Amino acid sequence: MALGTRRLFLAVDPGDECHTRIAEAVSRARVHAPRARWVRTEGIHVTLVFLGAVEESLVPAVVAKVEGVAVRHAPLTLRFEGAGCFGGRKPRVLWIGVEGDVPALGLVHKELSEALTEVGYVPEERLFSPHLTLARAGFGGTDAGLWAAARALAGESFGEVNVRELVLYESVLSAAGARYEAVARLPLGGVPAPLH
């Protein structure tokens, strides 16, 4: 990453209760896909926008753009249930589904994508599909065990969260993997509360 940049993304945090339920389920599901790269439970989130490398000088503008969108939206409720895979017959990603106020979340995503173009963000062309990533295929590229894990989790419910804020995270890369640090928490219908 270039000097003076931060690797940023916007997300919804599912909260401690959901993280606990997910951790319990993952401990049972791992046996089906032992070669998969499992996401640390505390790092599980619903990504709204992945910004990538952002120049340090643009971070305040990013926060301002997100605040401008967040204040126009009421809190929403999301439920986390079921599981599936991205990649069809060659599964690459194991995910938990998101239900509830998904249309409202989609509108937040759309408005964020549009607002952030003014600070250099290039929106993704693929359809927004909110989910919680649990695991990725190992270094071979695909892992049939992910489908077995998805089937094991398919009927489960992982809780509900009342989303009151959007979180701007920095992904800090290290040999131990990515660690996510909150840069700012932007309340829905409120004012920003920058952390650092």
N, C-alpha and C. Protein backbone atom coordinates (compact mmCIF):
# COMPACT_ATOMS: atom_id res chain seq x y z
N MET A 1 0.85 -1.17 0.00
CA MET A 1 0.00 0.00 0.00
C MET A 1 0.90 1.24 0.00
N ALA A 2 0.47 2.25 -0.72
CA ALA A 2 1.26 3.48 -0.84
C ALA A 2 1.36 4.21 0.50
N LEU A 3 2.46 4.92 0.66
CA LEU A 3 2.68 5.71 1.86
C LEU A 3 1.58 6.75 1.99
N GLY A 4 1.05 6.93 3.20
CA GLY A 4 0.03 7.93 3.42
C GLY A 4 -1.37 7.51 3.01
N THR A 5 -1.57 6.18 2.85
CA THR A 5 -2.91 5.69 2.52
C THR A 5 -3.41 4.77 3.62
N ARG A 6 -4.72 4.62 3.68
CA ARG A 6 -5.36 3.71 4.63
C ARG A 6 -6.33 2.84 3.85
N ARG A 7 -6.36 1.55 4.16
CA ARG A 7 -7.25 0.59 3.50
C ARG A 7 -8.58 0.62 4.26
N LEU A 8 -9.61 1.21 3.64
CA LEU A 8 -10.86 1.49 4.34
C LEU A 8 -12.06 0.76 3.74
N PHE A 9 -13.04 0.48 4.60
CA PHE A 9 -14.34 -0.02 4.14
C PHE A 9 -15.41 0.42 5.13
N LEU A 10 -16.64 0.46 4.63
CA LEU A 10 -17.81 0.80 5.45
C LEU A 10 -18.60 -0.46 5.70
N ALA A 11 -19.07 -0.61 6.94
CA ALA A 11 -19.75 -1.85 7.28
C ALA A 11 -20.78 -1.64 8.39
N VAL A 12 -21.56 -2.70 8.58
CA VAL A 12 -22.48 -2.81 9.71
C VAL A 12 -21.92 -3.90 10.61
N ASP A 13 -21.80 -3.61 11.88
CA ASP A 13 -21.33 -4.57 12.87
C ASP A 13 -22.54 -5.33 13.40
N PRO A 14 -22.53 -6.68 13.33
CA PRO A 14 -23.68 -7.44 13.81
C PRO A 14 -23.83 -7.47 15.33
N GLY A 15 -22.84 -7.03 16.07
CA GLY A 15 -22.96 -6.96 17.53
C GLY A 15 -22.47 -8.21 18.24
N ASP A 16 -22.23 -8.05 19.53
CA ASP A 16 -21.64 -9.12 20.34
C ASP A 16 -22.50 -10.38 20.41
N GLU A 17 -23.82 -10.21 20.57
CA GLU A 17 -24.69 -11.38 20.69
C GLU A 17 -24.63 -12.23 19.42
N CYS A 18 -24.71 -11.59 18.26
CA CYS A 18 -24.62 -12.33 17.00
C CYS A 18 -23.24 -12.95 16.83
N HIS A 19 -22.19 -12.21 17.19
CA HIS A 19 -20.83 -12.76 17.09
C HIS A 19 -20.70 -14.02 17.94
N THR A 20 -21.29 -14.03 19.13
CA THR A 20 -21.22 -15.21 20.00
C THR A 20 -21.92 -16.40 19.36
N ARG A 21 -23.12 -16.17 18.82
CA ARG A 21 -23.86 -17.26 18.16
C ARG A 21 -23.10 -17.79 16.94
N ILE A 22 -22.52 -16.86 16.18
CA ILE A 22 -21.75 -17.26 15.00
C ILE A 22 -20.54 -18.08 15.41
N ALA A 23 -19.83 -17.67 16.45
CA ALA A 23 -18.65 -18.40 16.92
C ALA A 23 -19.01 -19.83 17.29
N GLU A 24 -20.15 -20.01 17.97
CA GLU A 24 -20.58 -21.35 18.36
C GLU A 24 -20.87 -22.20 17.13
N ALA A 25 -21.54 -21.62 16.14
CA ALA A 25 -21.88 -22.36 14.92
C ALA A 25 -20.63 -22.68 14.11
N VAL A 26 -19.72 -21.73 14.02
CA VAL A 26 -18.49 -21.94 13.25
C VAL A 26 -17.67 -23.07 13.87
N SER A 27 -17.65 -23.15 15.19
CA SER A 27 -16.87 -24.22 15.84
C SER A 27 -17.39 -25.60 15.41
N ARG A 28 -18.68 -25.69 15.13
CA ARG A 28 -19.25 -26.96 14.65
C ARG A 28 -19.05 -27.15 13.15
N ALA A 29 -19.07 -26.07 12.38
CA ALA A 29 -19.01 -26.15 10.92
C ALA A 29 -17.60 -26.35 10.38
N ARG A 30 -16.59 -25.97 11.15
CA ARG A 30 -15.19 -26.05 10.67
C ARG A 30 -14.80 -27.45 10.22
N VAL A 31 -15.36 -28.46 10.85
CA VAL A 31 -15.01 -29.84 10.53
C VAL A 31 -15.31 -30.16 9.06
N HIS A 32 -16.28 -29.48 8.47
CA HIS A 32 -16.66 -29.74 7.08
C HIS A 32 -15.69 -29.12 6.07
N ALA A 33 -14.98 -28.08 6.47
CA ALA A 33 -14.07 -27.38 5.56
C ALA A 33 -12.77 -27.03 6.29
N PRO A 34 -12.00 -28.04 6.67
CA PRO A 34 -10.81 -27.77 7.48
C PRO A 34 -9.71 -26.99 6.74
N ARG A 35 -9.73 -27.02 5.40
CA ARG A 35 -8.70 -26.29 4.65
C ARG A 35 -9.09 -24.84 4.36
N ALA A 36 -10.32 -24.48 4.68
CA ALA A 36 -10.79 -23.12 4.41
C ALA A 36 -10.08 -22.12 5.33
N ARG A 37 -10.05 -20.87 4.88
CA ARG A 37 -9.51 -19.79 5.70
C ARG A 37 -10.71 -19.14 6.40
N TRP A 38 -10.87 -19.40 7.67
CA TRP A 38 -12.01 -18.92 8.44
C TRP A 38 -11.75 -17.51 8.95
N VAL A 39 -12.76 -16.66 8.87
CA VAL A 39 -12.66 -15.28 9.34
C VAL A 39 -12.73 -15.29 10.86
N ARG A 40 -11.89 -14.49 11.50
CA ARG A 40 -11.99 -14.36 12.96
C ARG A 40 -13.36 -13.79 13.30
N THR A 41 -14.00 -14.35 14.31
CA THR A 41 -15.37 -13.96 14.64
C THR A 41 -15.52 -12.47 14.86
N GLU A 42 -14.57 -11.85 15.55
CA GLU A 42 -14.69 -10.41 15.83
C GLU A 42 -14.58 -9.57 14.56
N GLY A 43 -14.11 -10.17 13.47
CA GLY A 43 -13.98 -9.44 12.21
C GLY A 43 -15.16 -9.61 11.27
N ILE A 44 -16.16 -10.37 11.68
CA ILE A 44 -17.32 -10.62 10.82
C ILE A 44 -18.22 -9.39 10.82
N HIS A 45 -18.61 -8.97 9.61
CA HIS A 45 -19.39 -7.74 9.44
C HIS A 45 -20.13 -7.80 8.10
N VAL A 46 -21.06 -6.88 7.89
CA VAL A 46 -21.74 -6.73 6.60
C VAL A 46 -21.05 -5.57 5.89
N THR A 47 -20.31 -5.86 4.83
CA THR A 47 -19.63 -4.80 4.08
C THR A 47 -20.65 -4.04 3.23
N LEU A 48 -20.63 -2.73 3.36
CA LEU A 48 -21.48 -1.88 2.52
C LEU A 48 -20.70 -1.36 1.33
N VAL A 49 -19.51 -0.85 1.57
CA VAL A 49 -18.65 -0.31 0.51
C VAL A 49 -17.20 -0.60 0.89
N PHE A 50 -16.46 -1.22 -0.04
CA PHE A 50 -15.02 -1.40 0.16
C PHE A 50 -14.32 -0.30 -0.63
N LEU A 51 -13.68 0.60 0.07
CA LEU A 51 -13.01 1.74 -0.57
C LEU A 51 -11.60 1.41 -1.02
N GLY A 52 -10.94 0.47 -0.37
CA GLY A 52 -9.56 0.17 -0.71
C GLY A 52 -8.63 1.23 -0.15
N ALA A 53 -7.50 1.44 -0.83
CA ALA A 53 -6.49 2.40 -0.37
C ALA A 53 -6.99 3.83 -0.58
N VAL A 54 -7.11 4.56 0.52
CA VAL A 54 -7.58 5.95 0.50
C VAL A 54 -6.48 6.82 1.08
N GLU A 55 -6.16 7.90 0.37
CA GLU A 55 -5.15 8.82 0.88
C GLU A 55 -5.60 9.38 2.22
N GLU A 56 -4.65 9.45 3.15
CA GLU A 56 -4.92 9.96 4.50
C GLU A 56 -5.64 11.31 4.45
N SER A 57 -5.24 12.16 3.53
CA SER A 57 -5.82 13.51 3.44
C SER A 57 -7.30 13.49 3.04
N LEU A 58 -7.78 12.37 2.46
CA LEU A 58 -9.18 12.27 2.03
C LEU A 58 -10.09 11.67 3.10
N VAL A 59 -9.52 11.13 4.18
CA VAL A 59 -10.34 10.46 5.20
C VAL A 59 -11.41 11.40 5.78
N PRO A 60 -11.10 12.66 6.12
CA PRO A 60 -12.16 13.55 6.62
C PRO A 60 -13.29 13.75 5.60
N ALA A 61 -12.96 13.81 4.32
CA ALA A 61 -13.98 13.96 3.28
C ALA A 61 -14.84 12.70 3.18
N VAL A 62 -14.21 11.53 3.33
CA VAL A 62 -14.96 10.27 3.33
C VAL A 62 -15.94 10.27 4.50
N VAL A 63 -15.47 10.63 5.69
CA VAL A 63 -16.34 10.68 6.87
C VAL A 63 -17.50 11.64 6.63
N ALA A 64 -17.24 12.79 6.05
CA ALA A 64 -18.29 13.78 5.79
C ALA A 64 -19.32 13.24 4.80
N LYS A 65 -18.87 12.54 3.76
CA LYS A 65 -19.79 11.97 2.77
C LYS A 65 -20.67 10.90 3.42
N VAL A 66 -20.06 10.06 4.24
CA VAL A 66 -20.83 9.00 4.91
C VAL A 66 -21.83 9.61 5.88
N GLU A 67 -21.40 10.62 6.61
CA GLU A 67 -22.31 11.30 7.53
C GLU A 67 -23.51 11.87 6.78
N GLY A 68 -23.25 12.47 5.61
CA GLY A 68 -24.33 13.04 4.81
C GLY A 68 -25.37 12.03 4.40
N VAL A 69 -24.95 10.79 4.18
CA VAL A 69 -25.89 9.72 3.85
C VAL A 69 -26.55 9.19 5.13
N ALA A 70 -25.75 8.93 6.16
CA ALA A 70 -26.26 8.32 7.39
C ALA A 70 -27.37 9.13 8.04
N VAL A 71 -27.23 10.46 8.05
CA VAL A 71 -28.23 11.28 8.75
C VAL A 71 -29.59 11.23 8.07
N ARG A 72 -29.64 10.79 6.82
CA ARG A 72 -30.92 10.73 6.09
C ARG A 72 -31.66 9.41 6.29
N HIS A 73 -31.06 8.48 7.01
CA HIS A 73 -31.65 7.15 7.15
C HIS A 73 -31.92 6.80 8.60
N ALA A 74 -33.08 6.21 8.83
CA ALA A 74 -33.46 5.76 10.17
C ALA A 74 -32.73 4.45 10.49
N PRO A 75 -32.59 4.13 11.78
CA PRO A 75 -32.04 2.82 12.15
C PRO A 75 -32.86 1.71 11.50
N LEU A 76 -32.24 0.57 11.30
CA LEU A 76 -32.94 -0.55 10.68
C LEU A 76 -32.62 -1.84 11.40
N THR A 77 -33.41 -2.84 11.15
CA THR A 77 -33.25 -4.13 11.83
C THR A 77 -32.83 -5.19 10.82
N LEU A 78 -31.78 -5.91 11.15
CA LEU A 78 -31.30 -7.00 10.31
C LEU A 78 -31.28 -8.29 11.10
N ARG A 79 -31.64 -9.38 10.42
CA ARG A 79 -31.56 -10.73 11.00
C ARG A 79 -30.51 -11.51 10.20
N PHE A 80 -29.79 -12.37 10.89
CA PHE A 80 -28.76 -13.16 10.25
C PHE A 80 -29.17 -14.62 10.36
N GLU A 81 -29.40 -15.25 9.19
CA GLU A 81 -29.87 -16.63 9.21
C GLU A 81 -29.53 -17.34 7.91
N GLY A 82 -29.45 -18.66 8.03
CA GLY A 82 -29.14 -19.47 6.87
C GLY A 82 -27.69 -19.30 6.42
N ALA A 83 -27.32 -20.08 5.43
CA ALA A 83 -25.95 -20.01 4.91
C ALA A 83 -25.94 -20.44 3.46
N GLY A 84 -24.90 -20.06 2.77
CA GLY A 84 -24.73 -20.43 1.38
C GLY A 84 -23.30 -20.18 0.95
N CYS A 85 -23.06 -20.31 -0.35
CA CYS A 85 -21.72 -20.11 -0.89
C CYS A 85 -21.78 -19.27 -2.15
N PHE A 86 -20.76 -18.47 -2.36
CA PHE A 86 -20.55 -17.81 -3.64
C PHE A 86 -19.60 -18.70 -4.43
N GLY A 87 -19.86 -18.82 -5.72
CA GLY A 87 -18.97 -19.59 -6.57
C GLY A 87 -19.61 -20.81 -7.20
N GLY A 88 -20.91 -21.03 -6.95
CA GLY A 88 -21.61 -22.14 -7.60
C GLY A 88 -20.98 -23.48 -7.29
N ARG A 89 -20.67 -24.24 -8.35
CA ARG A 89 -20.09 -25.58 -8.18
C ARG A 89 -18.66 -25.54 -7.67
N LYS A 90 -18.05 -24.36 -7.76
CA LYS A 90 -16.68 -24.20 -7.27
C LYS A 90 -16.70 -23.15 -6.16
N PRO A 91 -17.20 -23.54 -4.99
CA PRO A 91 -17.39 -22.56 -3.91
C PRO A 91 -16.10 -21.89 -3.46
N ARG A 92 -16.18 -20.56 -3.34
CA ARG A 92 -15.03 -19.77 -2.92
C ARG A 92 -15.26 -19.10 -1.57
N VAL A 93 -16.54 -18.78 -1.26
CA VAL A 93 -16.86 -18.03 -0.04
C VAL A 93 -18.08 -18.65 0.63
N LEU A 94 -17.98 -18.89 1.94
CA LEU A 94 -19.11 -19.34 2.76
C LEU A 94 -19.67 -18.13 3.47
N TRP A 95 -21.00 -17.94 3.39
CA TRP A 95 -21.62 -16.76 4.00
C TRP A 95 -22.87 -17.11 4.80
N ILE A 96 -23.23 -16.18 5.68
CA ILE A 96 -24.50 -16.21 6.40
C ILE A 96 -25.39 -15.17 5.74
N GLY A 97 -26.67 -15.50 5.58
CA GLY A 97 -27.61 -14.60 4.93
C GLY A 97 -28.07 -13.46 5.83
N VAL A 98 -28.50 -12.38 5.19
CA VAL A 98 -29.01 -11.20 5.88
C VAL A 98 -30.47 -11.01 5.46
N GLU A 99 -31.34 -10.88 6.44
CA GLU A 99 -32.77 -10.67 6.21
C GLU A 99 -33.22 -9.42 6.95
N GLY A 100 -34.49 -9.08 6.83
CA GLY A 100 -35.02 -7.91 7.54
C GLY A 100 -35.10 -6.71 6.63
N ASP A 101 -34.59 -5.58 7.10
CA ASP A 101 -34.67 -4.32 6.35
C ASP A 101 -33.61 -4.25 5.25
N VAL A 102 -33.53 -5.30 4.45
CA VAL A 102 -32.53 -5.37 3.39
C VAL A 102 -32.78 -4.32 2.30
N PRO A 103 -34.04 -4.05 1.90
CA PRO A 103 -34.24 -2.98 0.91
C PRO A 103 -33.72 -1.62 1.41
N ALA A 104 -33.94 -1.31 2.68
CA ALA A 104 -33.43 -0.05 3.24
C ALA A 104 -31.91 -0.06 3.27
N LEU A 105 -31.31 -1.20 3.60
CA LEU A 105 -29.86 -1.32 3.60
C LEU A 105 -29.31 -1.14 2.19
N GLY A 106 -30.02 -1.69 1.21
CA GLY A 106 -29.63 -1.53 -0.19
C GLY A 106 -29.64 -0.08 -0.62
N LEU A 107 -30.62 0.67 -0.13
CA LEU A 107 -30.69 2.10 -0.44
C LEU A 107 -29.51 2.85 0.20
N VAL A 108 -29.17 2.49 1.43
CA VAL A 108 -28.01 3.10 2.09
C VAL A 108 -26.75 2.81 1.26
N HIS A 109 -26.59 1.56 0.84
CA HIS A 109 -25.44 1.17 0.01
C HIS A 109 -25.39 2.00 -1.28
N LYS A 110 -26.53 2.13 -1.94
CA LYS A 110 -26.59 2.87 -3.20
C LYS A 110 -26.19 4.33 -3.00
N GLU A 111 -26.75 4.95 -1.97
CA GLU A 111 -26.45 6.36 -1.70
C GLU A 111 -24.99 6.56 -1.28
N LEU A 112 -24.45 5.62 -0.50
CA LEU A 112 -23.04 5.69 -0.13
C LEU A 112 -22.16 5.61 -1.38
N SER A 113 -22.46 4.65 -2.24
CA SER A 113 -21.67 4.47 -3.47
C SER A 113 -21.67 5.73 -4.31
N GLU A 114 -22.84 6.35 -4.45
CA GLU A 114 -22.95 7.58 -5.23
C GLU A 114 -22.19 8.73 -4.57
N ALA A 115 -22.37 8.91 -3.27
CA ALA A 115 -21.72 10.02 -2.57
C ALA A 115 -20.20 9.88 -2.57
N LEU A 116 -19.72 8.67 -2.46
CA LEU A 116 -18.27 8.46 -2.35
C LEU A 116 -17.54 8.57 -3.68
N THR A 117 -18.28 8.60 -4.80
CA THR A 117 -17.61 8.83 -6.09
C THR A 117 -16.93 10.20 -6.09
N GLU A 118 -17.46 11.12 -5.29
CA GLU A 118 -16.89 12.47 -5.22
C GLU A 118 -15.51 12.49 -4.54
N VAL A 119 -15.14 11.40 -3.88
CA VAL A 119 -13.80 11.32 -3.28
C VAL A 119 -12.99 10.20 -3.94
N GLY A 120 -13.38 9.84 -5.16
CA GLY A 120 -12.59 8.90 -5.95
C GLY A 120 -13.02 7.45 -5.94
N TYR A 121 -14.08 7.10 -5.23
CA TYR A 121 -14.55 5.71 -5.20
C TYR A 121 -15.18 5.34 -6.54
N VAL A 122 -14.84 4.17 -7.03
CA VAL A 122 -15.44 3.64 -8.26
C VAL A 122 -16.38 2.52 -7.84
N PRO A 123 -17.71 2.73 -7.96
CA PRO A 123 -18.67 1.71 -7.51
C PRO A 123 -18.49 0.37 -8.24
N GLU A 124 -18.75 -0.70 -7.50
CA GLU A 124 -18.70 -2.03 -8.10
C GLU A 124 -19.90 -2.19 -9.02
N GLU A 125 -19.72 -2.97 -10.08
CA GLU A 125 -20.80 -3.18 -11.03
C GLU A 125 -21.72 -4.33 -10.61
N ARG A 126 -21.23 -5.20 -9.73
CA ARG A 126 -22.07 -6.33 -9.34
C ARG A 126 -23.16 -5.87 -8.38
N LEU A 127 -24.22 -6.66 -8.34
CA LEU A 127 -25.37 -6.39 -7.50
C LEU A 127 -24.99 -6.47 -6.02
N PHE A 128 -25.49 -5.55 -5.21
CA PHE A 128 -25.25 -5.57 -3.77
C PHE A 128 -25.95 -6.78 -3.17
N SER A 129 -25.20 -7.60 -2.47
CA SER A 129 -25.73 -8.83 -1.87
C SER A 129 -25.23 -8.91 -0.43
N PRO A 130 -25.97 -8.29 0.52
CA PRO A 130 -25.48 -8.25 1.90
C PRO A 130 -25.36 -9.65 2.50
N HIS A 131 -24.25 -9.86 3.20
CA HIS A 131 -23.97 -11.16 3.81
C HIS A 131 -22.88 -10.98 4.85
N LEU A 132 -22.67 -12.03 5.63
CA LEU A 132 -21.56 -12.10 6.58
C LEU A 132 -20.63 -13.19 6.06
N THR A 133 -19.41 -12.85 5.70
CA THR A 133 -18.45 -13.85 5.23
C THR A 133 -17.89 -14.62 6.43
N LEU A 134 -18.00 -15.95 6.35
CA LEU A 134 -17.47 -16.81 7.41
C LEU A 134 -16.13 -17.41 7.04
N ALA A 135 -15.98 -17.81 5.77
CA ALA A 135 -14.75 -18.49 5.36
C ALA A 135 -14.54 -18.32 3.86
N ARG A 136 -13.29 -18.45 3.46
CA ARG A 136 -12.91 -18.42 2.06
C ARG A 136 -12.17 -19.71 1.74
N ALA A 137 -12.26 -20.12 0.49
CA ALA A 137 -11.54 -21.32 0.06
C ALA A 137 -10.06 -21.14 0.33
N GLY A 138 -9.41 -22.23 0.64
CA GLY A 138 -7.96 -22.19 0.86
C GLY A 138 -7.24 -21.76 -0.40
N PHE A 139 -5.97 -21.91 -0.40
CA PHE A 139 -5.15 -21.38 -1.49
C PHE A 139 -5.33 -22.12 -2.81
N GLY A 140 -6.11 -23.20 -2.83
CA GLY A 140 -6.40 -23.90 -4.08
C GLY A 140 -7.46 -23.20 -4.91
N GLY A 141 -8.15 -22.22 -4.34
CA GLY A 141 -9.14 -21.45 -5.09
C GLY A 141 -10.58 -21.86 -4.85
N THR A 142 -10.86 -23.15 -4.65
CA THR A 142 -12.21 -23.60 -4.35
C THR A 142 -12.13 -24.65 -3.24
N ASP A 143 -13.26 -24.92 -2.61
CA ASP A 143 -13.28 -25.88 -1.51
C ASP A 143 -14.69 -26.45 -1.39
N ALA A 144 -14.88 -27.69 -1.85
CA ALA A 144 -16.19 -28.32 -1.79
C ALA A 144 -16.70 -28.44 -0.36
N GLY A 145 -15.79 -28.44 0.61
CA GLY A 145 -16.19 -28.50 2.01
C GLY A 145 -17.01 -27.30 2.45
N LEU A 146 -16.86 -26.18 1.73
CA LEU A 146 -17.66 -25.00 2.07
C LEU A 146 -19.15 -25.28 1.89
N TRP A 147 -19.51 -26.04 0.84
CA TRP A 147 -20.93 -26.39 0.66
C TRP A 147 -21.42 -27.26 1.80
N ALA A 148 -20.60 -28.19 2.25
CA ALA A 148 -20.99 -29.04 3.39
C ALA A 148 -21.19 -28.19 4.63
N ALA A 149 -20.32 -27.21 4.85
CA ALA A 149 -20.48 -26.30 5.99
C ALA A 149 -21.75 -25.48 5.84
N ALA A 150 -22.05 -25.02 4.62
CA ALA A 150 -23.27 -24.24 4.38
C ALA A 150 -24.51 -25.07 4.69
N ARG A 151 -24.51 -26.33 4.27
CA ARG A 151 -25.65 -27.21 4.56
C ARG A 151 -25.81 -27.40 6.07
N ALA A 152 -24.70 -27.51 6.78
CA ALA A 152 -24.76 -27.70 8.24
C ALA A 152 -25.33 -26.47 8.94
N LEU A 153 -25.15 -25.28 8.34
CA LEU A 153 -25.61 -24.03 8.96
C LEU A 153 -26.93 -23.53 8.38
N ALA A 154 -27.44 -24.20 7.36
CA ALA A 154 -28.57 -23.68 6.58
C ALA A 154 -29.80 -23.34 7.41
N GLY A 155 -30.15 -24.13 8.39
CA GLY A 155 -31.37 -23.88 9.16
C GLY A 155 -31.18 -23.02 10.39
N GLU A 156 -29.98 -22.51 10.59
CA GLU A 156 -29.69 -21.78 11.83
C GLU A 156 -30.02 -20.30 11.75
N SER A 157 -30.33 -19.75 12.91
CA SER A 157 -30.54 -18.31 13.06
C SER A 157 -29.44 -17.79 13.99
N PHE A 158 -28.85 -16.66 13.60
CA PHE A 158 -27.71 -16.13 14.34
C PHE A 158 -28.04 -14.83 15.06
N GLY A 159 -29.33 -14.52 15.14
CA GLY A 159 -29.73 -13.34 15.88
C GLY A 159 -30.13 -12.17 15.01
N GLU A 160 -30.43 -11.10 15.71
CA GLU A 160 -30.96 -9.88 15.09
C GLU A 160 -30.23 -8.69 15.69
N VAL A 161 -30.05 -7.64 14.89
CA VAL A 161 -29.41 -6.44 15.40
C VAL A 161 -30.19 -5.22 14.93
N ASN A 162 -30.33 -4.26 15.84
CA ASN A 162 -30.91 -2.97 15.49
C ASN A 162 -29.74 -2.09 15.08
N VAL A 163 -29.62 -1.84 13.79
CA VAL A 163 -28.49 -1.08 13.25
C VAL A 163 -28.74 0.40 13.48
N ARG A 164 -27.90 1.01 14.31
CA ARG A 164 -28.02 2.43 14.64
C ARG A 164 -26.87 3.25 14.09
N GLU A 165 -25.86 2.57 13.51
CA GLU A 165 -24.70 3.30 13.00
C GLU A 165 -24.03 2.54 11.87
N LEU A 166 -23.30 3.29 11.06
CA LEU A 166 -22.40 2.72 10.06
C LEU A 166 -21.00 2.88 10.62
N VAL A 167 -20.14 1.93 10.34
CA VAL A 167 -18.78 2.00 10.87
C VAL A 167 -17.79 2.07 9.70
N LEU A 168 -16.92 3.08 9.75
CA LEU A 168 -15.81 3.17 8.81
C LEU A 168 -14.63 2.46 9.46
N TYR A 169 -14.19 1.37 8.83
CA TYR A 169 -13.09 0.57 9.36
C TYR A 169 -11.84 0.75 8.52
N GLU A 170 -10.71 0.59 9.19
CA GLU A 170 -9.44 0.46 8.49
C GLU A 170 -9.00 -0.99 8.62
N SER A 171 -8.61 -1.58 7.52
CA SER A 171 -8.08 -2.94 7.51
C SER A 171 -6.57 -2.84 7.62
N VAL A 172 -6.04 -3.29 8.75
CA VAL A 172 -4.60 -3.23 9.01
C VAL A 172 -4.05 -4.63 8.75
N LEU A 173 -3.21 -4.75 7.72
CA LEU A 173 -2.69 -6.05 7.32
C LEU A 173 -1.41 -6.39 8.08
N SER A 174 -1.29 -7.66 8.46
CA SER A 174 -0.08 -8.14 9.13
C SER A 174 0.11 -9.61 8.78
N ALA A 175 1.21 -10.18 9.22
CA ALA A 175 1.47 -11.60 8.96
C ALA A 175 0.40 -12.48 9.60
N ALA A 176 -0.21 -12.01 10.68
CA ALA A 176 -1.25 -12.77 11.37
C ALA A 176 -2.62 -12.62 10.71
N GLY A 177 -2.71 -11.80 9.66
CA GLY A 177 -3.98 -11.58 8.98
C GLY A 177 -4.46 -10.15 9.19
N ALA A 178 -5.61 -9.86 8.60
CA ALA A 178 -6.16 -8.50 8.71
C ALA A 178 -6.80 -8.27 10.07
N ARG A 179 -6.60 -7.07 10.59
CA ARG A 179 -7.26 -6.64 11.83
C ARG A 179 -8.04 -5.39 11.46
N TYR A 180 -9.28 -5.29 11.94
CA TYR A 180 -10.14 -4.16 11.58
C TYR A 180 -10.24 -3.19 12.75
N GLU A 181 -9.91 -1.93 12.48
CA GLU A 181 -9.99 -0.89 13.51
C GLU A 181 -11.01 0.15 13.08
N ALA A 182 -11.93 0.48 13.97
CA ALA A 182 -12.93 1.51 13.67
C ALA A 182 -12.25 2.87 13.58
N VAL A 183 -12.48 3.57 12.48
CA VAL A 183 -11.96 4.92 12.27
C VAL A 183 -13.02 5.93 12.70
N ALA A 184 -14.30 5.64 12.36
CA ALA A 184 -15.40 6.52 12.75
C ALA A 184 -16.68 5.71 12.81
N ARG A 185 -17.55 6.10 13.73
CA ARG A 185 -18.88 5.50 13.83
C ARG A 185 -19.86 6.62 13.50
N LEU A 186 -20.69 6.37 12.48
CA LEU A 186 -21.58 7.42 11.98
C LEU A 186 -23.02 7.01 12.21
N PRO A 187 -23.67 7.60 13.21
CA PRO A 187 -25.03 7.21 13.56
C PRO A 187 -26.02 7.46 12.43
N LEU A 188 -26.92 6.53 12.28
CA LEU A 188 -28.04 6.74 11.36
C LEU A 188 -28.95 7.78 12.01
N GLY A 189 -29.29 8.81 11.27
CA GLY A 189 -30.13 9.87 11.81
C GLY A 189 -29.45 10.70 12.86
N GLY A 190 -28.11 10.66 12.94
CA GLY A 190 -27.38 11.40 13.97
C GLY A 190 -26.16 12.10 13.44
N VAL A 191 -25.21 12.40 14.31
CA VAL A 191 -23.98 13.09 13.93
C VAL A 191 -22.79 12.16 14.14
N PRO A 192 -21.67 12.39 13.44
CA PRO A 192 -20.54 11.46 13.54
C PRO A 192 -19.84 11.53 14.88
N ALA A 193 -19.28 10.39 15.24
CA ALA A 193 -18.48 10.31 16.47
C ALA A 193 -17.14 9.70 16.10
N PRO A 194 -16.22 10.50 15.49
CA PRO A 194 -14.92 9.95 15.08
C PRO A 194 -14.16 9.37 16.26
N LEU A 195 -13.47 8.27 16.01
CA LEU A 195 -12.69 7.63 17.06
C LEU A 195 -11.24 8.09 17.02
N HIS A 196 -10.67 8.17 15.82
CA HIS A 196 -9.29 8.65 15.65
C HIS A 196 -9.03 8.93 14.19
